[in-house]
Structure formats: C-alpha cells, structure tokens
C-alpha cells in the first residue's frame, strides 16, 4: 500500500482503538442503570433538543405522539438495547457518561498498542481525528479519561453522526472538506467493512483493524496499531 502521501489519520473507536466489550459491557449498562438521572439535566439546551429529536423520530417511525419524559426514556432504553445509532440517544448517553468519568466510576478503555503510536504519528507531523457513532462529547470522554491518562490532546478533530452516517460515502466527502484535505491524503481506520467501503468510495485510503473477535473482511488489514507504520512506509 502506497501511503507515503498521507497527511491525516482518521480512526474509529469501538473495535479499533477500544474494545467492543467496553462499550457493551461497561458503557451501555452504566447508561441503563442511570437513565432516570437524565431528568436532572432537563434544563440543559442539549437535553431539550435531544428530547425533541426523540419525539420527532418516534412520530415518524412509530406514528406515535409521545409527550412525557417517561415515554422518552422508555424509547431511549429500547434504542440503547438495540444499539441504535440515533443522534439524541448518543447525546444523552454522553451526558450520563460524563458524570461517570467525573466521579471516577468510568475509565475509557484503549488498547495498549494505541497511545505510543498516536504520539509518534503526531510527532511526525500527521494530523489525527476521530469518527465514531458515539457523540463527540463521548469520544472526548473516552480519550480524555482513558486508562492511559489524557489522550485527547493527540486529536485535532472529532466527528459523529451529526456529520453523517458512517456507512454513507457522502459523510466521508464532507469530512474531507471540513479538514480541508484531498480524500487521498486521509487514512481511515475501522473494523467494519461497510464503513471502509464508504470511505474508499469517497477516495480515502483504508485499513481494517482486526482485533480479537473481528473477522478479516478487507484486503488491507492489521491486527493492532503497531503494525500500521510498516503499511504506511514509515
């Protein structure tokens, strides 16, 4: 793979920098256990907007008119169980997780091969960004409160589903515009074939991370971050 002209590395989180089990076994259960505490933040504008978005989605998808916070929370819990990639759910998860990180109950999991490589890339002048279905706030929490300390300083950009869906080619075109680079100068890292396909169609370079439990489904792949430099020609 000719990667010597890469200027920017964009990484997924779940299954790439971070164990899938951390999300499903730690973060999601924490959200469900504390879901009623969302009402404590009802005065926040982002919570008001998220509630309005839930009401709109339910009206569109279920043809049901909901009006109470209890009804909103019921759908949020349902969507969490289904791992729905809907923006209001991700926003509200991020708010509760922020509390968990602040209290020390939560620490962001990051694979041990990741921190040193991120720092090396940054020292080489590469720009780094994150693209995850989790909210930008949640992304910053994972890296800012990781088991290896604050890794958030390594990243110059964060993108979530407000930019677009991860399996939509137009999302990657938009990301390239926002960071003001040609797609061919951007490397996207993910464990999911459909995301890699969308990024490749947009003109990005791509690598699959094949972590434990992930099946190889892409021509270009590595097992951890320490293998990426040889692929890049560094």
C-alpha atoms as a PDB file:
ATOM      1  CA  UNK A   1       0.000   0.000   0.000  1.00  0.00           C
ATOM      2  CA  UNK A   2       1.435   3.384  -1.012  1.00  0.00           C
ATOM      3  CA  UNK A   3       0.649   5.557   1.983  1.00  0.00           C
ATOM      4  CA  UNK A   4       3.588   7.961   1.963  1.00  0.00           C
ATOM      5  CA  UNK A   5       1.462  10.971   0.986  1.00  0.00           C
ATOM      6  CA  UNK A   6      -0.948  10.541   3.879  1.00  0.00           C
ATOM      7  CA  UNK A   7      -1.339  13.722   5.900  1.00  0.00           C
ATOM      8  CA  UNK A   8      -4.221  12.736   8.156  1.00  0.00           C
ATOM      9  CA  UNK A   9      -5.321   9.600  10.017  1.00  0.00           C
ATOM     10  CA  UNK A  10      -8.988   9.270  10.947  1.00  0.00           C
ATOM     11  CA  UNK A  11      -9.841   6.492  13.390  1.00  0.00           C
ATOM     12  CA  UNK A  12     -12.963   4.745  14.548  1.00  0.00           C
ATOM     13  CA  UNK A  13     -13.195   3.932  18.271  1.00  0.00           C
ATOM     14  CA  UNK A  14     -15.258   0.809  19.010  1.00  0.00           C
ATOM     15  CA  UNK A  15     -13.357  -2.267  17.804  1.00  0.00           C
ATOM     16  CA  UNK A  16     -10.444  -0.113  16.612  1.00  0.00           C
ATOM     17  CA  UNK A  17      -8.829   1.864  19.432  1.00  0.00           C
ATOM     18  CA  UNK A  18     -11.139   0.466  22.084  1.00  0.00           C
ATOM     19  CA  UNK A  19     -12.580  -2.935  22.943  1.00  0.00           C
ATOM     20  CA  UNK A  20     -16.147  -3.566  21.798  1.00  0.00           C
ATOM     21  CA  UNK A  21     -16.753  -5.194  25.182  1.00  0.00           C
ATOM     22  CA  UNK A  22     -16.016  -1.883  26.944  1.00  0.00           C
ATOM     23  CA  UNK A  23     -18.911  -0.280  25.106  1.00  0.00           C
ATOM     24  CA  UNK A  24     -21.360  -3.157  25.532  1.00  0.00           C
ATOM     25  CA  UNK A  25     -20.336  -4.439  28.966  1.00  0.00           C
ATOM     26  CA  UNK A  26     -19.462  -1.160  30.712  1.00  0.00           C
ATOM     27  CA  UNK A  27     -20.833   1.947  28.981  1.00  0.00           C
ATOM     28  CA  UNK A  28     -24.247   0.698  27.862  1.00  0.00           C
ATOM     29  CA  UNK A  29     -25.109  -0.923  31.229  1.00  0.00           C
ATOM     30  CA  UNK A  30     -23.993   2.261  33.018  1.00  0.00           C
ATOM     31  CA  UNK A  31     -26.353   4.307  30.850  1.00  0.00           C
ATOM     32  CA  UNK A  32     -29.299   1.991  31.506  1.00  0.00           C
ATOM     33  CA  UNK A  33     -28.615   1.907  35.248  1.00  0.00           C
ATOM     34  CA  UNK A  34     -28.578   5.722  35.439  1.00  0.00           C
ATOM     35  CA  UNK A  35     -31.087   6.596  32.698  1.00  0.00           C
ATOM     36  CA  UNK A  36     -33.586   8.296  35.024  1.00  0.00           C
ATOM     37  CA  UNK A  37     -30.867  10.764  36.042  1.00  0.00           C
ATOM     38  CA  UNK A  38     -31.265  12.408  32.620  1.00  0.00           C
ATOM     39  CA  UNK A  39     -34.200  14.278  34.146  1.00  0.00           C
ATOM     40  CA  UNK A  40     -31.694  16.012  36.446  1.00  0.00           C
ATOM     41  CA  UNK A  41     -30.273  17.749  33.350  1.00  0.00           C
ATOM     42  CA  UNK A  42     -33.589  18.735  31.761  1.00  0.00           C
ATOM     43  CA  UNK A  43     -32.645  22.434  31.912  1.00  0.00           C
ATOM     44  CA  UNK A  44     -29.702  21.942  29.529  1.00  0.00           C
ATOM     45  CA  UNK A  45     -30.350  23.034  25.943  1.00  0.00           C
ATOM     46  CA  UNK A  46     -28.729  19.902  24.517  1.00  0.00           C
ATOM     47  CA  UNK A  47     -31.089  17.734  26.587  1.00  0.00           C
ATOM     48  CA  UNK A  48     -34.123  19.729  25.468  1.00  0.00           C
ATOM     49  CA  UNK A  49     -33.048  19.353  21.841  1.00  0.00           C
ATOM     50  CA  UNK A  50     -32.399  15.622  22.265  1.00  0.00           C
ATOM     51  CA  UNK A  51     -35.843  15.079  23.798  1.00  0.00           C
ATOM     52  CA  UNK A  52     -37.425  16.960  20.873  1.00  0.00           C
ATOM     53  CA  UNK A  53     -35.498  14.767  18.438  1.00  0.00           C
ATOM     54  CA  UNK A  54     -36.717  11.603  20.187  1.00  0.00           C
ATOM     55  CA  UNK A  55     -40.317  12.819  19.921  1.00  0.00           C
ATOM     56  CA  UNK A  56     -39.832  13.541  16.194  1.00  0.00           C
ATOM     57  CA  UNK A  57     -38.257  10.143  15.487  1.00  0.00           C
ATOM     58  CA  UNK A  58     -40.991   8.263  17.350  1.00  0.00           C
ATOM     59  CA  UNK A  59     -43.684  10.210  15.483  1.00  0.00           C
ATOM     60  CA  UNK A  60     -42.045   9.397  12.152  1.00  0.00           C
ATOM     61  CA  UNK A  61     -41.119   5.756  12.781  1.00  0.00           C
ATOM     62  CA  UNK A  62     -43.895   4.604  15.113  1.00  0.00           C
ATOM     63  CA  UNK A  63     -46.655   7.063  14.181  1.00  0.00           C
ATOM     64  CA  UNK A  64     -46.987   7.681  17.918  1.00  0.00           C
ATOM     65  CA  UNK A  65     -47.227  11.004  19.722  1.00  0.00           C
ATOM     66  CA  UNK A  66     -45.296  10.972  22.997  1.00  0.00           C
ATOM     67  CA  UNK A  67     -45.273  13.892  25.415  1.00  0.00           C
ATOM     68  CA  UNK A  68     -43.805  12.840  28.777  1.00  0.00           C
ATOM     69  CA  UNK A  69     -40.211  12.348  29.854  1.00  0.00           C
ATOM     70  CA  UNK A  70     -41.116   8.814  30.979  1.00  0.00           C
ATOM     71  CA  UNK A  71     -42.154   7.955  27.416  1.00  0.00           C
ATOM     72  CA  UNK A  72     -38.963   9.487  26.032  1.00  0.00           C
ATOM     73  CA  UNK A  73     -36.842   7.471  28.481  1.00  0.00           C
ATOM     74  CA  UNK A  74     -38.688   4.288  27.506  1.00  0.00           C
ATOM     75  CA  UNK A  75     -37.655   4.739  23.883  1.00  0.00           C
ATOM     76  CA  UNK A  76     -34.116   5.705  24.833  1.00  0.00           C
ATOM     77  CA  UNK A  77     -33.741   2.471  26.791  1.00  0.00           C
ATOM     78  CA  UNK A  78     -35.237   0.488  23.901  1.00  0.00           C
ATOM     79  CA  UNK A  79     -32.857   2.088  21.410  1.00  0.00           C
ATOM     80  CA  UNK A  80     -29.916   1.501  23.737  1.00  0.00           C
ATOM     81  CA  UNK A  81     -30.795  -2.203  23.923  1.00  0.00           C
ATOM     82  CA  UNK A  82     -30.960  -2.273  20.115  1.00  0.00           C
ATOM     83  CA  UNK A  83     -27.708  -0.272  19.763  1.00  0.00           C
ATOM     84  CA  UNK A  84     -29.476   2.245  17.538  1.00  0.00           C
ATOM     85  CA  UNK A  85     -27.156   4.857  16.008  1.00  0.00           C
ATOM     86  CA  UNK A  86     -29.514   7.781  16.563  1.00  0.00           C
ATOM     87  CA  UNK A  87     -28.134  11.188  17.493  1.00  0.00           C
ATOM     88  CA  UNK A  88     -30.357  12.018  20.522  1.00  0.00           C
ATOM     89  CA  UNK A  89     -29.506   8.693  22.178  1.00  0.00           C
ATOM     90  CA  UNK A  90     -25.793   9.284  21.646  1.00  0.00           C
ATOM     91  CA  UNK A  91     -26.086  12.825  23.022  1.00  0.00           C
ATOM     92  CA  UNK A  92     -27.817  11.706  26.214  1.00  0.00           C
ATOM     93  CA  UNK A  93     -25.514   8.732  26.702  1.00  0.00           C
ATOM     94  CA  UNK A  94     -22.620  11.181  26.539  1.00  0.00           C
ATOM     95  CA  UNK A  95     -24.117  13.347  29.270  1.00  0.00           C
ATOM     96  CA  UNK A  96     -24.519  10.449  31.699  1.00  0.00           C
ATOM     97  CA  UNK A  97     -21.113   9.022  30.864  1.00  0.00           C
ATOM     98  CA  UNK A  98     -19.584  12.448  31.549  1.00  0.00           C
ATOM     99  CA  UNK A  99     -20.856  12.145  35.101  1.00  0.00           C
ATOM    100  CA  UNK A 100     -19.443   8.640  35.377  1.00  0.00           C
ATOM    101  CA  UNK A 101     -15.995   9.738  34.224  1.00  0.00           C
ATOM    102  CA  UNK A 102     -16.076  12.777  36.512  1.00  0.00           C
ATOM    103  CA  UNK A 103     -16.866  10.592  39.520  1.00  0.00           C
ATOM    104  CA  UNK A 104     -14.164   8.072  38.621  1.00  0.00           C
ATOM    105  CA  UNK A 105     -16.687   5.265  38.106  1.00  0.00           C
ATOM    106  CA  UNK A 106     -15.695   5.082  34.439  1.00  0.00           C
ATOM    107  CA  UNK A 107     -12.277   4.938  32.768  1.00  0.00           C
ATOM    108  CA  UNK A 108     -12.010   4.797  28.990  1.00  0.00           C
ATOM    109  CA  UNK A 109     -10.577   1.567  27.615  1.00  0.00           C
ATOM    110  CA  UNK A 110      -7.855   1.935  24.990  1.00  0.00           C
ATOM    111  CA  UNK A 111      -5.770  -0.950  23.653  1.00  0.00           C
ATOM    112  CA  UNK A 112      -2.210  -0.788  24.971  1.00  0.00           C
ATOM    113  CA  UNK A 113      -0.718  -0.564  21.452  1.00  0.00           C
ATOM    114  CA  UNK A 114      -2.553   2.707  20.726  1.00  0.00           C
ATOM    115  CA  UNK A 115      -1.094   5.535  22.918  1.00  0.00           C
ATOM    116  CA  UNK A 116       2.547   5.360  21.821  1.00  0.00           C
ATOM    117  CA  UNK A 117       1.613   5.157  18.136  1.00  0.00           C
ATOM    118  CA  UNK A 118      -0.724   8.147  18.389  1.00  0.00           C
ATOM    119  CA  UNK A 119       2.058  10.191  19.949  1.00  0.00           C
ATOM    120  CA  UNK A 120       4.549   9.005  17.325  1.00  0.00           C
ATOM    121  CA  UNK A 121       2.234   9.992  14.479  1.00  0.00           C
ATOM    122  CA  UNK A 122       1.668  13.404  15.998  1.00  0.00           C
ATOM    123  CA  UNK A 123       5.426  13.896  16.421  1.00  0.00           C
ATOM    124  CA  UNK A 124       5.873  13.076  12.704  1.00  0.00           C
ATOM    125  CA  UNK A 125       3.508  15.912  11.821  1.00  0.00           C
ATOM    126  CA  UNK A 126       0.456  13.825  10.988  1.00  0.00           C
ATOM    127  CA  UNK A 127      -2.930  15.235  11.956  1.00  0.00           C
ATOM    128  CA  UNK A 128      -5.249  12.846  13.788  1.00  0.00           C
ATOM    129  CA  UNK A 129      -9.020  12.718  14.042  1.00  0.00           C
ATOM    130  CA  UNK A 130     -11.813  10.542  15.392  1.00  0.00           C
ATOM    131  CA  UNK A 131     -15.010   9.428  13.645  1.00  0.00           C
ATOM    132  CA  UNK A 132     -17.412   7.417  15.771  1.00  0.00           C
ATOM    133  CA  UNK A 133     -21.153   6.860  16.024  1.00  0.00           C
ATOM    134  CA  UNK A 134     -20.819   7.905  19.661  1.00  0.00           C
ATOM    135  CA  UNK A 135     -21.271  11.625  20.288  1.00  0.00           C
ATOM    136  CA  UNK A 136     -18.267  13.941  20.130  1.00  0.00           C
ATOM    137  CA  UNK A 137     -18.672  14.508  23.865  1.00  0.00           C
ATOM    138  CA  UNK A 138     -18.494  10.745  24.492  1.00  0.00           C
ATOM    139  CA  UNK A 139     -15.446  10.422  22.230  1.00  0.00           C
ATOM    140  CA  UNK A 140     -13.585  13.114  24.166  1.00  0.00           C
ATOM    141  CA  UNK A 141     -14.509  11.439  27.446  1.00  0.00           C
ATOM    142  CA  UNK A 142     -13.096   8.052  26.413  1.00  0.00           C
ATOM    143  CA  UNK A 143      -9.768   9.527  25.317  1.00  0.00           C
ATOM    144  CA  UNK A 144      -9.635  12.291  27.913  1.00  0.00           C
ATOM    145  CA  UNK A 145     -10.222   9.856  30.785  1.00  0.00           C
ATOM    146  CA  UNK A 146      -8.540   6.739  29.447  1.00  0.00           C
ATOM    147  CA  UNK A 147      -6.742   4.080  31.435  1.00  0.00           C
ATOM    148  CA  UNK A 148      -3.547   5.636  29.998  1.00  0.00           C
ATOM    149  CA  UNK A 149      -4.460   9.183  31.012  1.00  0.00           C
ATOM    150  CA  UNK A 150      -5.470  12.045  28.737  1.00  0.00           C
ATOM    151  CA  UNK A 151      -5.028  11.014  25.096  1.00  0.00           C
ATOM    152  CA  UNK A 152      -7.454  13.607  23.728  1.00  0.00           C
ATOM    153  CA  UNK A 153      -4.618  16.072  23.102  1.00  0.00           C
ATOM    154  CA  UNK A 154      -3.489  13.923  20.165  1.00  0.00           C
ATOM    155  CA  UNK A 155      -6.602  14.652  18.099  1.00  0.00           C
ATOM    156  CA  UNK A 156      -7.365  17.803  16.124  1.00  0.00           C
ATOM    157  CA  UNK A 157     -10.896  16.856  15.012  1.00  0.00           C
ATOM    158  CA  UNK A 158     -13.833  14.778  16.242  1.00  0.00           C
ATOM    159  CA  UNK A 159     -16.760  13.701  14.047  1.00  0.00           C
ATOM    160  CA  UNK A 160     -20.018  11.937  14.924  1.00  0.00           C
ATOM    161  CA  UNK A 161     -23.384  11.208  13.288  1.00  0.00           C
ATOM    162  CA  UNK A 162     -24.180  14.922  13.162  1.00  0.00           C
ATOM    163  CA  UNK A 163     -21.800  14.957  10.190  1.00  0.00           C
ATOM    164  CA  UNK A 164     -23.438  11.867   8.673  1.00  0.00           C
ATOM    165  CA  UNK A 165     -23.810   8.119   8.917  1.00  0.00           C
ATOM    166  CA  UNK A 166     -20.654   6.010   8.953  1.00  0.00           C
ATOM    167  CA  UNK A 167     -21.734   3.827   6.029  1.00  0.00           C
ATOM    168  CA  UNK A 168     -22.599   6.773   3.759  1.00  0.00           C
ATOM    169  CA  UNK A 169     -19.970   7.834   1.222  1.00  0.00           C
ATOM    170  CA  UNK A 170     -21.151  11.451   1.390  1.00  0.00           C
ATOM    171  CA  UNK A 171     -20.171  11.605   5.066  1.00  0.00           C
ATOM    172  CA  UNK A 172     -16.529  10.973   4.223  1.00  0.00           C
ATOM    173  CA  UNK A 173     -16.618  13.535   1.420  1.00  0.00           C
ATOM    174  CA  UNK A 174     -17.936  16.048   3.966  1.00  0.00           C
ATOM    175  CA  UNK A 175     -15.215  15.141   6.486  1.00  0.00           C
ATOM    176  CA  UNK A 176     -12.513  15.706   3.852  1.00  0.00           C
ATOM    177  CA  UNK A 177     -13.996  19.146   3.153  1.00  0.00           C
ATOM    178  CA  UNK A 178     -14.086  20.024   6.841  1.00  0.00           C
ATOM    179  CA  UNK A 179     -10.433  19.170   7.384  1.00  0.00           C
ATOM    180  CA  UNK A 180      -9.517  20.795   4.053  1.00  0.00           C
ATOM    181  CA  UNK A 181      -7.635  17.851   2.560  1.00  0.00           C
ATOM    182  CA  UNK A 182      -8.000  15.733  -0.540  1.00  0.00           C
ATOM    183  CA  UNK A 183      -9.562  12.352   0.368  1.00  0.00           C
ATOM    184  CA  UNK A 184      -6.493  10.512  -0.977  1.00  0.00           C
ATOM    185  CA  UNK A 185      -4.378  12.115   1.758  1.00  0.00           C
ATOM    186  CA  UNK A 186      -6.573  10.665   4.525  1.00  0.00           C
ATOM    187  CA  UNK A 187      -6.285   7.167   6.007  1.00  0.00           C
ATOM    188  CA  UNK A 188      -9.399   5.777   7.698  1.00  0.00           C
ATOM    189  CA  UNK A 189      -9.090   3.027  10.325  1.00  0.00           C
ATOM    190  CA  UNK A 190     -12.096   0.858  11.215  1.00  0.00           C
ATOM    191  CA  UNK A 191     -13.092  -2.712  11.992  1.00  0.00           C
ATOM    192  CA  UNK A 192     -16.298  -2.547   9.914  1.00  0.00           C
ATOM    193  CA  UNK A 193     -16.279  -3.483   6.218  1.00  0.00           C
ATOM    194  CA  UNK A 194     -19.226  -1.272   5.228  1.00  0.00           C
ATOM    195  CA  UNK A 195     -17.571   1.795   6.760  1.00  0.00           C
ATOM    196  CA  UNK A 196     -14.328   1.048   4.943  1.00  0.00           C
ATOM    197  CA  UNK A 197     -16.244   0.622   1.679  1.00  0.00           C
ATOM    198  CA  UNK A 198     -17.900   4.034   2.066  1.00  0.00           C
ATOM    199  CA  UNK A 199     -14.587   5.717   2.912  1.00  0.00           C
ATOM    200  CA  UNK A 200     -12.815   4.043  -0.010  1.00  0.00           C
ATOM    201  CA  UNK A 201     -15.569   5.121  -2.411  1.00  0.00           C
ATOM    202  CA  UNK A 202     -15.026   8.690  -1.192  1.00  0.00           C
ATOM    203  CA  UNK A 203     -11.344   8.371  -2.100  1.00  0.00           C
ATOM    204  CA  UNK A 204      -9.867   7.694   1.346  1.00  0.00           C
ATOM    205  CA  UNK A 205      -7.096   5.203   1.997  1.00  0.00           C
ATOM    206  CA  UNK A 206      -8.369   2.463   4.310  1.00  0.00           C
ATOM    207  CA  UNK A 207      -7.149  -0.158   6.782  1.00  0.00           C
ATOM    208  CA  UNK A 208      -9.164  -2.685   8.752  1.00  0.00           C
ATOM    209  CA  UNK A 209      -8.267  -3.277  12.406  1.00  0.00           C
ATOM    210  CA  UNK A 210      -8.674  -6.983  13.110  1.00  0.00           C
ATOM    211  CA  UNK A 211      -8.948  -7.046  16.886  1.00  0.00           C
ATOM    212  CA  UNK A 212      -9.823 -10.233  18.839  1.00  0.00           C
ATOM    213  CA  UNK A 213     -13.279 -11.337  17.741  1.00  0.00           C
ATOM    214  CA  UNK A 214     -13.155  -9.428  14.435  1.00  0.00           C
ATOM    215  CA  UNK A 215     -13.176 -11.363  11.168  1.00  0.00           C
ATOM    216  CA  UNK A 216     -10.934 -10.277   8.298  1.00  0.00           C
ATOM    217  CA  UNK A 217     -13.189  -8.670   5.687  1.00  0.00           C
ATOM    218  CA  UNK A 218     -10.883  -6.198   3.923  1.00  0.00           C
ATOM    219  CA  UNK A 219      -7.885  -6.549   1.615  1.00  0.00           C
ATOM    220  CA  UNK A 220      -5.698  -4.247   3.699  1.00  0.00           C
ATOM    221  CA  UNK A 221      -5.673  -5.032   7.409  1.00  0.00           C
ATOM    222  CA  UNK A 222      -3.562  -5.003  10.571  1.00  0.00           C
ATOM    223  CA  UNK A 223      -4.050  -6.576  13.974  1.00  0.00           C
ATOM    224  CA  UNK A 224      -3.001  -3.572  16.053  1.00  0.00           C
ATOM    225  CA  UNK A 225      -1.652  -0.038  15.746  1.00  0.00           C
ATOM    226  CA  UNK A 226       1.982  -1.157  15.973  1.00  0.00           C
ATOM    227  CA  UNK A 227       1.646  -2.787  12.525  1.00  0.00           C
ATOM    228  CA  UNK A 228       0.334   0.330  10.786  1.00  0.00           C
ATOM    229  CA  UNK A 229       3.646   2.157  10.308  1.00  0.00           C
ATOM    230  CA  UNK A 230       5.039  -0.564   8.050  1.00  0.00           C
ATOM    231  CA  UNK A 231       1.879  -0.282   5.958  1.00  0.00           C
ATOM    232  CA  UNK A 232       2.411   3.477   5.751  1.00  0.00           C
ATOM    233  CA  UNK A 233       6.040   3.127   4.756  1.00  0.00           C
ATOM    234  CA  UNK A 234       7.384   4.960   7.816  1.00  0.00           C
END
